[in-house]
């Protein structure tokens, strides 16, 4: 009898996991909307970031990656709202596609950046088994995206520079990702959840339950 009960509980738990991990139509639609809206924000930032980046680089070579968090928030935001495997990668990649289609100075390599940055956030959510979306996980996901950005940019855009530059660039990218993409995305999700806009998602129901 005890064994049977354990079997039933295990089967029930497995069923719940399948339900949680399965994408619904609303997940795809909302993730796509997040990606498209984020891509347009990326495009605006592509046109305006240079003065900030140049100023930081003049202060400390490599510190220009502190502006990179703006390009990282789509994946973290999508992961926090959708809470399904692949959400962070999907939203960041859609944002990169939109940014590239609208027009970007980096051309098709924008898609490579979106893929790598999305994976950086996705890996963190996967480490926590897509079951923990507290603020420190959001911050770590943003930092993961920032580290991925730092490594990718170092290879693609800054070959042959000093080790000190690469270390500074990657660390500053991680900091920017943690604050802008991680913490701010978490705050945005909390704010949206309190309005009821996320009532069809676990992220919205969780915030309502805590209120």
N, C-alpha and C. Protein backbone atom coordinates (compact mmCIF):
# COMPACT_ATOMS: atom_id res chain seq x y z
N UNK A 1 0.84 -1.21 0.00
CA UNK A 1 0.00 0.00 0.00
C UNK A 1 0.87 1.25 0.00
N UNK A 2 1.92 1.22 0.81
CA UNK A 2 2.83 2.35 0.90
C UNK A 2 3.51 2.58 -0.45
N UNK A 3 3.93 1.49 -1.08
CA UNK A 3 4.58 1.59 -2.39
C UNK A 3 3.63 2.15 -3.44
N UNK A 4 2.38 1.69 -3.38
CA UNK A 4 1.37 2.18 -4.33
C UNK A 4 1.15 3.68 -4.17
N UNK A 5 1.08 4.14 -2.92
CA UNK A 5 0.89 5.57 -2.66
C UNK A 5 2.05 6.38 -3.22
N UNK A 6 3.28 5.87 -3.02
CA UNK A 6 4.45 6.57 -3.54
C UNK A 6 4.42 6.64 -5.06
N UNK A 7 3.97 5.53 -5.67
CA UNK A 7 3.88 5.49 -7.13
C UNK A 7 2.89 6.52 -7.64
N UNK A 8 1.74 6.60 -6.96
CA UNK A 8 0.71 7.56 -7.36
C UNK A 8 1.23 8.99 -7.23
N UNK A 9 1.92 9.27 -6.10
CA UNK A 9 2.45 10.61 -5.89
C UNK A 9 3.48 10.95 -6.95
N UNK A 10 4.33 9.97 -7.29
CA UNK A 10 5.36 10.21 -8.30
C UNK A 10 4.74 10.50 -9.65
N UNK A 11 3.70 9.72 -9.99
CA UNK A 11 3.03 9.93 -11.27
C UNK A 11 2.35 11.29 -11.31
N UNK A 12 1.74 11.67 -10.18
CA UNK A 12 1.08 12.97 -10.11
C UNK A 12 2.09 14.10 -10.26
N UNK A 13 3.23 13.96 -9.57
CA UNK A 13 4.27 14.99 -9.66
C UNK A 13 4.79 15.10 -11.08
N UNK A 14 4.99 13.95 -11.74
CA UNK A 14 5.47 13.96 -13.12
C UNK A 14 4.46 14.65 -14.03
N UNK A 15 3.17 14.36 -13.79
CA UNK A 15 2.13 15.00 -14.59
C UNK A 15 2.13 16.49 -14.40
N UNK A 16 2.30 16.94 -13.17
CA UNK A 16 2.34 18.37 -12.90
C UNK A 16 3.51 19.03 -13.60
N UNK A 17 4.67 18.33 -13.61
CA UNK A 17 5.83 18.89 -14.28
C UNK A 17 5.57 19.06 -15.77
N UNK A 18 4.90 18.06 -16.37
CA UNK A 18 4.60 18.15 -17.80
C UNK A 18 3.68 19.33 -18.08
N UNK A 19 2.70 19.55 -17.22
CA UNK A 19 1.78 20.67 -17.40
C UNK A 19 2.52 21.99 -17.29
N UNK A 20 3.41 22.10 -16.30
CA UNK A 20 4.16 23.34 -16.08
C UNK A 20 5.07 23.62 -17.26
N UNK A 21 5.72 22.59 -17.79
CA UNK A 21 6.71 22.78 -18.84
C UNK A 21 6.09 22.95 -20.22
N UNK A 22 4.84 22.53 -20.42
CA UNK A 22 4.22 22.60 -21.74
C UNK A 22 3.84 24.04 -22.08
N UNK A 23 4.23 24.48 -23.27
CA UNK A 23 3.88 25.83 -23.71
C UNK A 23 2.42 25.87 -24.16
N UNK A 24 1.70 26.89 -23.72
CA UNK A 24 0.34 27.14 -24.18
C UNK A 24 0.37 28.18 -25.30
N UNK A 25 -0.75 28.33 -25.98
CA UNK A 25 -0.83 29.35 -27.02
C UNK A 25 -0.57 30.74 -26.44
N UNK A 26 -1.13 31.00 -25.26
CA UNK A 26 -0.94 32.31 -24.64
C UNK A 26 0.53 32.54 -24.29
N UNK A 27 1.26 31.49 -23.95
CA UNK A 27 2.69 31.63 -23.68
C UNK A 27 3.44 32.08 -24.93
N UNK A 28 3.12 31.43 -26.05
CA UNK A 28 3.79 31.77 -27.31
C UNK A 28 3.47 33.20 -27.73
N UNK A 29 2.19 33.57 -27.59
CA UNK A 29 1.78 34.91 -28.00
C UNK A 29 2.45 35.98 -27.14
N UNK A 30 2.40 35.80 -25.83
CA UNK A 30 2.97 36.81 -24.93
C UNK A 30 4.48 36.86 -25.07
N UNK A 31 5.13 35.72 -25.19
CA UNK A 31 6.59 35.70 -25.38
C UNK A 31 6.97 36.42 -26.67
N UNK A 32 6.17 36.23 -27.70
CA UNK A 32 6.43 36.90 -28.98
C UNK A 32 6.25 38.41 -28.85
N UNK A 33 5.20 38.82 -28.14
CA UNK A 33 4.97 40.25 -27.93
C UNK A 33 6.12 40.87 -27.14
N UNK A 34 6.57 40.17 -26.11
CA UNK A 34 7.72 40.66 -25.33
C UNK A 34 8.94 40.80 -26.23
N UNK A 35 9.18 39.79 -27.07
CA UNK A 35 10.33 39.83 -27.95
C UNK A 35 10.27 40.97 -28.95
N UNK A 36 9.11 41.17 -29.56
CA UNK A 36 8.96 42.24 -30.55
C UNK A 36 9.12 43.62 -29.90
N UNK A 37 8.44 43.82 -28.77
CA UNK A 37 8.55 45.11 -28.08
C UNK A 37 9.99 45.37 -27.63
N UNK A 38 10.64 44.33 -27.13
CA UNK A 38 12.03 44.47 -26.69
C UNK A 38 12.94 44.78 -27.87
N UNK A 39 12.67 44.14 -29.02
CA UNK A 39 13.48 44.40 -30.20
C UNK A 39 13.41 45.85 -30.65
N UNK A 40 12.24 46.46 -30.53
CA UNK A 40 12.11 47.87 -30.88
C UNK A 40 12.87 48.76 -29.89
N UNK A 41 12.85 48.36 -28.63
CA UNK A 41 13.64 49.10 -27.63
C UNK A 41 15.12 48.94 -27.93
N UNK A 42 15.53 47.72 -28.30
CA UNK A 42 16.93 47.49 -28.69
C UNK A 42 17.32 48.43 -29.83
N UNK A 43 16.43 48.54 -30.82
CA UNK A 43 16.73 49.37 -31.99
C UNK A 43 16.94 50.83 -31.59
N UNK A 44 16.08 51.34 -30.71
CA UNK A 44 16.24 52.72 -30.24
C UNK A 44 17.57 52.87 -29.49
N UNK A 45 17.89 51.87 -28.66
CA UNK A 45 19.15 51.93 -27.91
C UNK A 45 20.35 51.85 -28.84
N UNK A 46 20.23 51.10 -29.94
CA UNK A 46 21.30 51.03 -30.93
C UNK A 46 21.67 52.41 -31.46
N UNK A 47 20.67 53.28 -31.54
CA UNK A 47 20.87 54.61 -32.11
C UNK A 47 21.36 55.63 -31.09
N UNK A 48 21.24 55.33 -29.82
CA UNK A 48 21.49 56.34 -28.79
C UNK A 48 22.58 55.99 -27.78
N UNK A 49 23.08 54.75 -27.81
CA UNK A 49 23.98 54.31 -26.74
C UNK A 49 25.39 54.85 -26.86
N UNK A 50 25.81 55.25 -28.07
CA UNK A 50 27.22 55.56 -28.33
C UNK A 50 27.84 56.59 -27.39
N UNK A 51 27.19 57.72 -27.10
CA UNK A 51 27.82 58.70 -26.19
C UNK A 51 28.08 58.13 -24.80
N UNK A 52 27.15 57.31 -24.30
CA UNK A 52 27.35 56.70 -22.99
C UNK A 52 28.50 55.69 -23.03
N UNK A 53 28.53 54.89 -24.10
CA UNK A 53 29.57 53.89 -24.24
C UNK A 53 30.95 54.53 -24.37
N UNK A 54 31.04 55.58 -25.19
CA UNK A 54 32.33 56.25 -25.40
C UNK A 54 32.84 56.89 -24.11
N UNK A 55 31.93 57.49 -23.35
CA UNK A 55 32.35 58.09 -22.09
C UNK A 55 32.89 57.08 -21.10
N UNK A 56 32.23 55.94 -21.00
CA UNK A 56 32.69 54.89 -20.10
C UNK A 56 34.02 54.30 -20.56
N UNK A 57 34.16 54.13 -21.87
CA UNK A 57 35.41 53.58 -22.40
C UNK A 57 36.58 54.52 -22.15
N UNK A 58 36.31 55.83 -22.21
CA UNK A 58 37.36 56.80 -21.95
C UNK A 58 37.82 56.74 -20.49
N UNK A 59 36.88 56.47 -19.60
CA UNK A 59 37.22 56.36 -18.18
C UNK A 59 38.00 55.08 -17.88
N UNK A 60 37.55 53.97 -18.49
CA UNK A 60 38.19 52.68 -18.25
C UNK A 60 37.90 51.76 -19.44
N UNK A 61 38.91 51.45 -20.24
CA UNK A 61 38.68 50.56 -21.39
C UNK A 61 38.05 49.24 -20.95
N UNK A 62 36.95 48.90 -21.56
CA UNK A 62 36.21 47.70 -21.20
C UNK A 62 34.94 48.01 -20.43
N UNK A 63 34.90 49.19 -19.80
CA UNK A 63 33.74 49.56 -18.99
C UNK A 63 32.53 49.91 -19.84
N UNK A 64 32.72 50.03 -21.16
CA UNK A 64 31.59 50.35 -22.03
C UNK A 64 30.51 49.28 -22.01
N UNK A 65 30.84 48.09 -21.55
CA UNK A 65 29.83 47.02 -21.47
C UNK A 65 28.80 47.28 -20.38
N UNK A 66 29.03 48.32 -19.58
CA UNK A 66 28.03 48.69 -18.57
C UNK A 66 26.72 49.15 -19.21
N UNK A 67 26.77 49.53 -20.48
CA UNK A 67 25.53 49.91 -21.16
C UNK A 67 24.84 48.70 -21.79
N UNK A 68 25.49 47.53 -21.73
CA UNK A 68 24.97 46.36 -22.43
C UNK A 68 23.74 45.74 -21.84
N UNK A 69 23.44 46.04 -20.57
CA UNK A 69 22.28 45.42 -19.94
C UNK A 69 20.97 45.72 -20.63
N UNK A 70 20.92 46.85 -21.35
CA UNK A 70 19.70 47.20 -22.07
C UNK A 70 19.39 46.17 -23.15
N UNK A 71 20.42 45.54 -23.70
CA UNK A 71 20.23 44.54 -24.75
C UNK A 71 19.97 43.14 -24.18
N UNK A 72 19.92 43.03 -22.87
CA UNK A 72 19.83 41.71 -22.25
C UNK A 72 18.49 41.45 -21.55
N UNK A 73 17.68 42.49 -21.38
CA UNK A 73 16.52 42.34 -20.51
C UNK A 73 15.43 41.45 -21.11
N UNK A 74 15.38 41.35 -22.44
CA UNK A 74 14.28 40.60 -23.08
C UNK A 74 14.25 39.15 -22.60
N UNK A 75 15.41 38.51 -22.57
CA UNK A 75 15.47 37.11 -22.16
C UNK A 75 15.06 36.91 -20.71
N UNK A 76 15.57 37.76 -19.83
CA UNK A 76 15.24 37.63 -18.42
C UNK A 76 13.77 37.92 -18.19
N UNK A 77 13.25 38.97 -18.81
CA UNK A 77 11.85 39.33 -18.65
C UNK A 77 10.94 38.21 -19.15
N UNK A 78 11.26 37.67 -20.32
CA UNK A 78 10.47 36.57 -20.85
C UNK A 78 10.52 35.35 -19.97
N UNK A 79 11.70 35.04 -19.45
CA UNK A 79 11.83 33.89 -18.55
C UNK A 79 11.05 34.05 -17.27
N UNK A 80 11.06 35.26 -16.71
CA UNK A 80 10.34 35.52 -15.46
C UNK A 80 8.83 35.46 -15.63
N UNK A 81 8.35 35.90 -16.79
CA UNK A 81 6.90 35.92 -17.01
C UNK A 81 6.37 34.56 -17.46
N UNK A 82 7.00 33.97 -18.46
CA UNK A 82 6.50 32.73 -19.06
C UNK A 82 6.79 31.52 -18.18
N UNK A 83 7.97 31.48 -17.59
CA UNK A 83 8.35 30.41 -16.68
C UNK A 83 8.28 29.03 -17.32
N UNK A 84 8.78 28.92 -18.52
CA UNK A 84 8.83 27.66 -19.24
C UNK A 84 10.22 27.49 -19.84
N UNK A 85 10.68 26.26 -19.99
CA UNK A 85 11.98 26.04 -20.64
C UNK A 85 12.01 26.68 -22.03
N UNK A 86 13.06 27.39 -22.32
CA UNK A 86 13.22 28.03 -23.61
C UNK A 86 12.68 29.44 -23.70
N UNK A 87 11.98 29.91 -22.68
CA UNK A 87 11.36 31.24 -22.75
C UNK A 87 12.40 32.35 -22.84
N UNK A 88 13.45 32.27 -22.05
CA UNK A 88 14.48 33.30 -22.08
C UNK A 88 15.19 33.33 -23.43
N UNK A 89 15.52 32.17 -23.94
CA UNK A 89 16.18 32.09 -25.24
C UNK A 89 15.26 32.60 -26.35
N UNK A 90 14.00 32.20 -26.30
CA UNK A 90 13.04 32.58 -27.34
C UNK A 90 12.85 34.10 -27.39
N UNK A 91 12.58 34.71 -26.25
CA UNK A 91 12.29 36.15 -26.26
C UNK A 91 13.52 36.97 -26.64
N UNK A 92 14.69 36.57 -26.17
CA UNK A 92 15.91 37.32 -26.51
C UNK A 92 16.21 37.18 -28.01
N UNK A 93 15.98 35.99 -28.56
CA UNK A 93 16.26 35.77 -29.97
C UNK A 93 15.25 36.52 -30.85
N UNK A 94 13.97 36.50 -30.47
CA UNK A 94 12.97 37.27 -31.22
C UNK A 94 13.32 38.75 -31.20
N UNK A 95 13.73 39.25 -30.05
CA UNK A 95 14.13 40.66 -29.94
C UNK A 95 15.30 40.97 -30.87
N UNK A 96 16.26 40.05 -30.94
CA UNK A 96 17.42 40.25 -31.83
C UNK A 96 16.99 40.24 -33.29
N UNK A 97 16.07 39.35 -33.65
CA UNK A 97 15.57 39.28 -35.03
C UNK A 97 14.87 40.58 -35.41
N UNK A 98 14.02 41.08 -34.53
CA UNK A 98 13.30 42.33 -34.80
C UNK A 98 14.29 43.48 -34.95
N UNK A 99 15.25 43.54 -34.04
CA UNK A 99 16.27 44.60 -34.10
C UNK A 99 17.03 44.55 -35.42
N UNK A 100 17.38 43.35 -35.85
CA UNK A 100 18.12 43.19 -37.11
C UNK A 100 17.27 43.57 -38.32
N UNK A 101 15.99 43.20 -38.29
CA UNK A 101 15.11 43.50 -39.41
C UNK A 101 14.84 44.99 -39.54
N UNK A 102 14.67 45.65 -38.41
CA UNK A 102 14.43 47.10 -38.44
C UNK A 102 15.67 47.83 -38.93
N UNK A 103 16.83 47.29 -38.56
CA UNK A 103 18.08 47.88 -39.02
C UNK A 103 19.06 48.08 -37.89
N UNK A 104 20.20 47.43 -37.98
CA UNK A 104 21.22 47.55 -36.95
C UNK A 104 22.60 47.57 -37.59
N UNK A 105 23.52 48.26 -36.96
CA UNK A 105 24.87 48.39 -37.50
C UNK A 105 25.67 47.10 -37.44
N UNK A 106 25.15 46.10 -36.73
CA UNK A 106 25.88 44.85 -36.59
C UNK A 106 25.39 43.75 -37.53
N UNK A 107 24.37 44.04 -38.30
CA UNK A 107 23.90 43.12 -39.31
C UNK A 107 23.47 41.77 -38.76
N UNK A 108 23.69 40.70 -39.52
CA UNK A 108 23.26 39.36 -39.12
C UNK A 108 23.88 38.87 -37.81
N UNK A 109 25.04 39.43 -37.44
CA UNK A 109 25.67 39.00 -36.19
C UNK A 109 24.84 39.38 -34.97
N UNK A 110 23.86 40.26 -35.17
CA UNK A 110 22.92 40.57 -34.09
C UNK A 110 22.21 39.30 -33.63
N UNK A 111 21.92 38.41 -34.57
CA UNK A 111 21.24 37.15 -34.23
C UNK A 111 22.14 36.26 -33.39
N UNK A 112 23.44 36.28 -33.67
CA UNK A 112 24.39 35.51 -32.86
C UNK A 112 24.39 36.04 -31.43
N UNK A 113 24.40 37.36 -31.30
CA UNK A 113 24.38 37.96 -29.96
C UNK A 113 23.10 37.59 -29.22
N UNK A 114 21.96 37.66 -29.91
CA UNK A 114 20.70 37.29 -29.27
C UNK A 114 20.69 35.85 -28.80
N UNK A 115 21.21 34.96 -29.63
CA UNK A 115 21.26 33.55 -29.27
C UNK A 115 22.14 33.31 -28.05
N UNK A 116 23.33 33.89 -28.06
CA UNK A 116 24.28 33.68 -26.96
C UNK A 116 23.76 34.31 -25.67
N UNK A 117 23.25 35.52 -25.75
CA UNK A 117 22.75 36.21 -24.56
C UNK A 117 21.52 35.50 -23.98
N UNK A 118 20.65 35.04 -24.87
CA UNK A 118 19.49 34.29 -24.40
C UNK A 118 19.90 33.01 -23.70
N UNK A 119 20.91 32.34 -24.24
CA UNK A 119 21.40 31.11 -23.60
C UNK A 119 21.99 31.41 -22.23
N UNK A 120 22.66 32.55 -22.10
CA UNK A 120 23.24 32.91 -20.81
C UNK A 120 22.21 33.00 -19.71
N UNK A 121 21.06 33.60 -20.02
CA UNK A 121 19.97 33.69 -19.05
C UNK A 121 19.28 32.34 -18.90
N UNK A 122 19.07 31.65 -20.00
CA UNK A 122 18.37 30.36 -19.99
C UNK A 122 19.07 29.33 -19.11
N UNK A 123 20.38 29.31 -19.17
CA UNK A 123 21.15 28.35 -18.38
C UNK A 123 20.91 28.54 -16.89
N UNK A 124 20.82 29.79 -16.46
CA UNK A 124 20.58 30.06 -15.04
C UNK A 124 19.21 29.56 -14.62
N UNK A 125 18.18 29.86 -15.41
CA UNK A 125 16.84 29.36 -15.08
C UNK A 125 16.82 27.83 -15.07
N UNK A 126 17.57 27.21 -15.97
CA UNK A 126 17.62 25.75 -16.01
C UNK A 126 18.31 25.18 -14.79
N UNK A 127 19.36 25.85 -14.30
CA UNK A 127 20.06 25.40 -13.10
C UNK A 127 19.10 25.32 -11.92
N UNK A 128 18.17 26.25 -11.86
CA UNK A 128 17.16 26.27 -10.79
C UNK A 128 15.90 25.49 -11.18
N UNK A 129 16.02 24.67 -12.25
CA UNK A 129 14.98 23.73 -12.67
C UNK A 129 13.67 24.43 -13.01
N UNK A 130 13.74 25.67 -13.44
CA UNK A 130 12.55 26.44 -13.83
C UNK A 130 11.50 26.44 -12.72
N UNK A 131 11.99 26.46 -11.48
CA UNK A 131 11.08 26.39 -10.33
C UNK A 131 11.29 27.53 -9.34
N UNK A 132 12.32 28.34 -9.55
CA UNK A 132 12.64 29.41 -8.62
C UNK A 132 12.80 30.70 -9.41
N UNK A 133 11.97 31.69 -9.11
CA UNK A 133 12.01 32.95 -9.84
C UNK A 133 12.11 34.13 -8.86
N UNK A 134 12.79 33.90 -7.76
CA UNK A 134 13.00 34.97 -6.79
C UNK A 134 13.99 35.99 -7.34
N UNK A 135 14.12 37.09 -6.62
CA UNK A 135 14.91 38.20 -7.13
C UNK A 135 16.36 37.79 -7.37
N UNK A 136 16.94 36.95 -6.51
CA UNK A 136 18.34 36.60 -6.71
C UNK A 136 18.54 35.74 -7.95
N UNK A 137 17.53 34.95 -8.31
CA UNK A 137 17.62 34.16 -9.54
C UNK A 137 17.54 35.07 -10.75
N UNK A 138 16.66 36.07 -10.70
CA UNK A 138 16.58 37.05 -11.78
C UNK A 138 17.90 37.78 -11.95
N UNK A 139 18.51 38.18 -10.84
CA UNK A 139 19.80 38.87 -10.89
C UNK A 139 20.88 37.96 -11.48
N UNK A 140 20.89 36.70 -11.07
CA UNK A 140 21.86 35.75 -11.62
C UNK A 140 21.63 35.51 -13.11
N UNK A 141 20.35 35.44 -13.52
CA UNK A 141 20.05 35.26 -14.94
C UNK A 141 20.55 36.45 -15.75
N UNK A 142 20.34 37.66 -15.22
CA UNK A 142 20.86 38.84 -15.89
C UNK A 142 22.37 38.83 -15.97
N UNK A 143 23.01 38.42 -14.87
CA UNK A 143 24.47 38.34 -14.87
C UNK A 143 24.95 37.28 -15.86
N UNK A 144 24.22 36.16 -15.93
CA UNK A 144 24.58 35.12 -16.90
C UNK A 144 24.51 35.62 -18.33
N UNK A 145 23.46 36.38 -18.63
CA UNK A 145 23.35 36.97 -19.95
C UNK A 145 24.48 37.97 -20.20
N UNK A 146 24.86 38.71 -19.15
CA UNK A 146 25.94 39.69 -19.28
C UNK A 146 27.28 39.04 -19.51
N UNK A 147 27.54 37.94 -18.83
CA UNK A 147 28.80 37.20 -19.04
C UNK A 147 28.84 36.65 -20.46
N UNK A 148 27.71 36.09 -20.90
CA UNK A 148 27.64 35.57 -22.27
C UNK A 148 27.88 36.68 -23.29
N UNK A 149 27.29 37.84 -23.06
CA UNK A 149 27.51 38.99 -23.93
C UNK A 149 28.98 39.39 -23.95
N UNK A 150 29.59 39.44 -22.76
CA UNK A 150 30.99 39.85 -22.66
C UNK A 150 31.91 38.92 -23.43
N UNK A 151 31.69 37.63 -23.30
CA UNK A 151 32.53 36.66 -24.00
C UNK A 151 32.30 36.74 -25.51
N UNK A 152 31.03 36.81 -25.91
CA UNK A 152 30.71 36.88 -27.34
C UNK A 152 31.27 38.14 -27.99
N UNK A 153 31.09 39.28 -27.34
CA UNK A 153 31.60 40.54 -27.89
C UNK A 153 33.12 40.54 -27.96
N UNK A 154 33.75 39.95 -26.94
CA UNK A 154 35.21 39.91 -26.93
C UNK A 154 35.74 39.14 -28.14
N UNK A 155 35.06 38.06 -28.48
CA UNK A 155 35.49 37.24 -29.62
C UNK A 155 35.18 37.93 -30.94
N UNK A 156 33.97 38.50 -31.06
CA UNK A 156 33.53 39.05 -32.34
C UNK A 156 34.08 40.45 -32.63
N UNK A 157 34.11 41.30 -31.59
CA UNK A 157 34.37 42.71 -31.83
C UNK A 157 35.68 43.24 -31.24
N UNK A 158 36.28 42.51 -30.33
CA UNK A 158 37.50 43.02 -29.69
C UNK A 158 38.63 41.99 -29.70
N UNK A 159 38.92 41.38 -30.83
CA UNK A 159 40.01 40.39 -30.86
C UNK A 159 41.38 41.07 -30.70
N UNK A 160 42.28 40.37 -30.06
CA UNK A 160 43.66 40.84 -29.97
C UNK A 160 43.95 41.88 -28.91
N UNK A 161 42.99 42.16 -28.02
CA UNK A 161 43.23 43.13 -26.96
C UNK A 161 43.81 42.45 -25.73
N UNK A 162 44.05 43.22 -24.69
CA UNK A 162 44.72 42.69 -23.49
C UNK A 162 43.76 41.90 -22.62
N UNK A 163 44.33 41.02 -21.81
CA UNK A 163 43.53 40.26 -20.86
C UNK A 163 42.80 41.17 -19.89
N UNK A 164 43.44 42.29 -19.51
CA UNK A 164 42.80 43.23 -18.58
C UNK A 164 41.53 43.81 -19.19
N UNK A 165 41.58 44.12 -20.48
CA UNK A 165 40.40 44.65 -21.15
C UNK A 165 39.27 43.62 -21.11
N UNK A 166 39.58 42.36 -21.43
CA UNK A 166 38.55 41.33 -21.47
C UNK A 166 37.93 41.09 -20.10
N UNK A 167 38.76 41.06 -19.07
CA UNK A 167 38.24 40.85 -17.72
C UNK A 167 37.32 42.00 -17.33
N UNK A 168 37.76 43.23 -17.60
CA UNK A 168 36.94 44.41 -17.28
C UNK A 168 35.63 44.37 -18.06
N UNK A 169 35.72 44.04 -19.34
CA UNK A 169 34.52 44.03 -20.19
C UNK A 169 33.51 43.00 -19.72
N UNK A 170 33.98 41.81 -19.39
CA UNK A 170 33.07 40.74 -18.97
C UNK A 170 32.47 41.03 -17.60
N UNK A 171 33.29 41.52 -16.68
CA UNK A 171 32.77 41.84 -15.34
C UNK A 171 31.75 42.96 -15.40
N UNK A 172 32.05 44.02 -16.16
CA UNK A 172 31.10 45.13 -16.28
C UNK A 172 29.83 44.68 -16.99
N UNK A 173 29.95 43.78 -17.96
CA UNK A 173 28.78 43.23 -18.61
C UNK A 173 27.90 42.46 -17.64
N UNK A 174 28.56 41.69 -16.77
CA UNK A 174 27.81 40.92 -15.76
C UNK A 174 27.09 41.84 -14.79
N UNK A 175 27.76 42.92 -14.37
CA UNK A 175 27.13 43.88 -13.46
C UNK A 175 25.93 44.55 -14.12
N UNK A 176 26.12 45.00 -15.35
CA UNK A 176 25.04 45.64 -16.07
C UNK A 176 23.86 44.69 -16.27
N UNK A 177 24.17 43.45 -16.64
CA UNK A 177 23.11 42.46 -16.81
C UNK A 177 22.37 42.19 -15.52
N UNK A 178 23.11 42.08 -14.42
CA UNK A 178 22.49 41.79 -13.13
C UNK A 178 21.52 42.90 -12.71
N UNK A 179 21.93 44.15 -12.91
CA UNK A 179 21.11 45.28 -12.46
C UNK A 179 19.99 45.61 -13.44
N UNK A 180 20.35 45.83 -14.71
CA UNK A 180 19.36 46.29 -15.68
C UNK A 180 18.46 45.15 -16.15
N UNK A 181 19.09 44.05 -16.58
CA UNK A 181 18.29 42.94 -17.11
C UNK A 181 17.68 42.09 -16.00
N UNK A 182 18.41 41.97 -14.89
CA UNK A 182 17.94 41.11 -13.82
C UNK A 182 17.01 41.79 -12.83
N UNK A 183 17.55 42.71 -12.05
CA UNK A 183 16.77 43.36 -11.00
C UNK A 183 15.61 44.17 -11.56
N UNK A 184 15.87 44.97 -12.59
CA UNK A 184 14.80 45.80 -13.13
C UNK A 184 13.70 44.97 -13.78
N UNK A 185 14.07 43.88 -14.45
CA UNK A 185 13.05 43.01 -15.04
C UNK A 185 12.19 42.39 -13.95
N UNK A 186 12.81 41.99 -12.86
CA UNK A 186 12.06 41.41 -11.73
C UNK A 186 11.07 42.43 -11.17
N UNK A 187 11.51 43.68 -11.05
CA UNK A 187 10.62 44.73 -10.55
C UNK A 187 9.48 45.00 -11.53
N UNK A 188 9.78 44.96 -12.81
CA UNK A 188 8.73 45.16 -13.82
C UNK A 188 7.68 44.06 -13.73
N UNK A 189 8.12 42.82 -13.58
CA UNK A 189 7.18 41.69 -13.47
C UNK A 189 6.32 41.85 -12.23
N UNK A 190 6.92 42.24 -11.13
CA UNK A 190 6.16 42.45 -9.90
C UNK A 190 5.10 43.54 -10.09
N UNK A 191 5.49 44.63 -10.75
CA UNK A 191 4.55 45.70 -10.99
C UNK A 191 3.41 45.29 -11.90
N UNK A 192 3.73 44.58 -12.98
CA UNK A 192 2.69 44.10 -13.88
C UNK A 192 1.75 43.12 -13.19
N UNK A 193 2.33 42.26 -12.38
CA UNK A 193 1.51 41.25 -11.69
C UNK A 193 0.49 41.91 -10.77
N UNK A 194 0.88 42.97 -10.10
CA UNK A 194 -0.03 43.65 -9.17
C UNK A 194 -1.20 44.31 -9.89
N UNK A 195 -1.02 44.61 -11.18
CA UNK A 195 -2.12 45.22 -11.94
C UNK A 195 -3.11 44.18 -12.45
N UNK A 196 -2.74 42.91 -12.36
CA UNK A 196 -3.60 41.85 -12.88
C UNK A 196 -3.31 41.49 -14.32
N UNK A 197 -2.33 42.14 -14.93
CA UNK A 197 -2.02 41.90 -16.34
C UNK A 197 -1.45 40.50 -16.58
N UNK A 198 -0.92 39.88 -15.53
CA UNK A 198 -0.30 38.56 -15.67
C UNK A 198 -1.13 37.47 -14.99
N UNK A 199 -2.43 37.69 -14.91
CA UNK A 199 -3.28 36.75 -14.17
C UNK A 199 -3.31 35.35 -14.77
N UNK A 200 -2.97 35.22 -16.04
CA UNK A 200 -2.98 33.91 -16.70
C UNK A 200 -1.65 33.18 -16.57
N UNK A 201 -0.74 33.79 -15.81
CA UNK A 201 0.59 33.19 -15.62
C UNK A 201 0.87 32.97 -14.15
N UNK A 202 1.72 31.99 -13.89
CA UNK A 202 2.10 31.71 -12.50
C UNK A 202 2.75 32.91 -11.86
N UNK A 203 3.47 33.70 -12.64
CA UNK A 203 4.12 34.90 -12.10
C UNK A 203 3.11 35.88 -11.56
N UNK A 204 1.96 36.01 -12.23
CA UNK A 204 0.92 36.91 -11.77
C UNK A 204 0.17 36.36 -10.58
N UNK A 205 -0.14 35.08 -10.61
CA UNK A 205 -0.87 34.47 -9.49
C UNK A 205 -0.04 34.44 -8.23
N UNK A 206 1.26 34.26 -8.37
CA UNK A 206 2.14 34.23 -7.21
C UNK A 206 2.17 35.58 -6.52
N UNK A 207 2.27 36.65 -7.30
CA UNK A 207 2.28 38.00 -6.71
C UNK A 207 0.98 38.32 -6.04
N UNK A 208 -0.14 37.89 -6.64
CA UNK A 208 -1.45 38.13 -6.04
C UNK A 208 -1.60 37.39 -4.73
N UNK A 209 -1.08 36.17 -4.68
CA UNK A 209 -1.19 35.36 -3.46
C UNK A 209 -0.40 35.98 -2.32
N UNK A 210 0.71 36.62 -2.64
CA UNK A 210 1.55 37.23 -1.61
C UNK A 210 0.98 38.55 -1.12
N UNK A 211 0.17 39.18 -1.98
CA UNK A 211 -0.35 40.53 -1.63
C UNK A 211 -1.32 40.45 -0.47
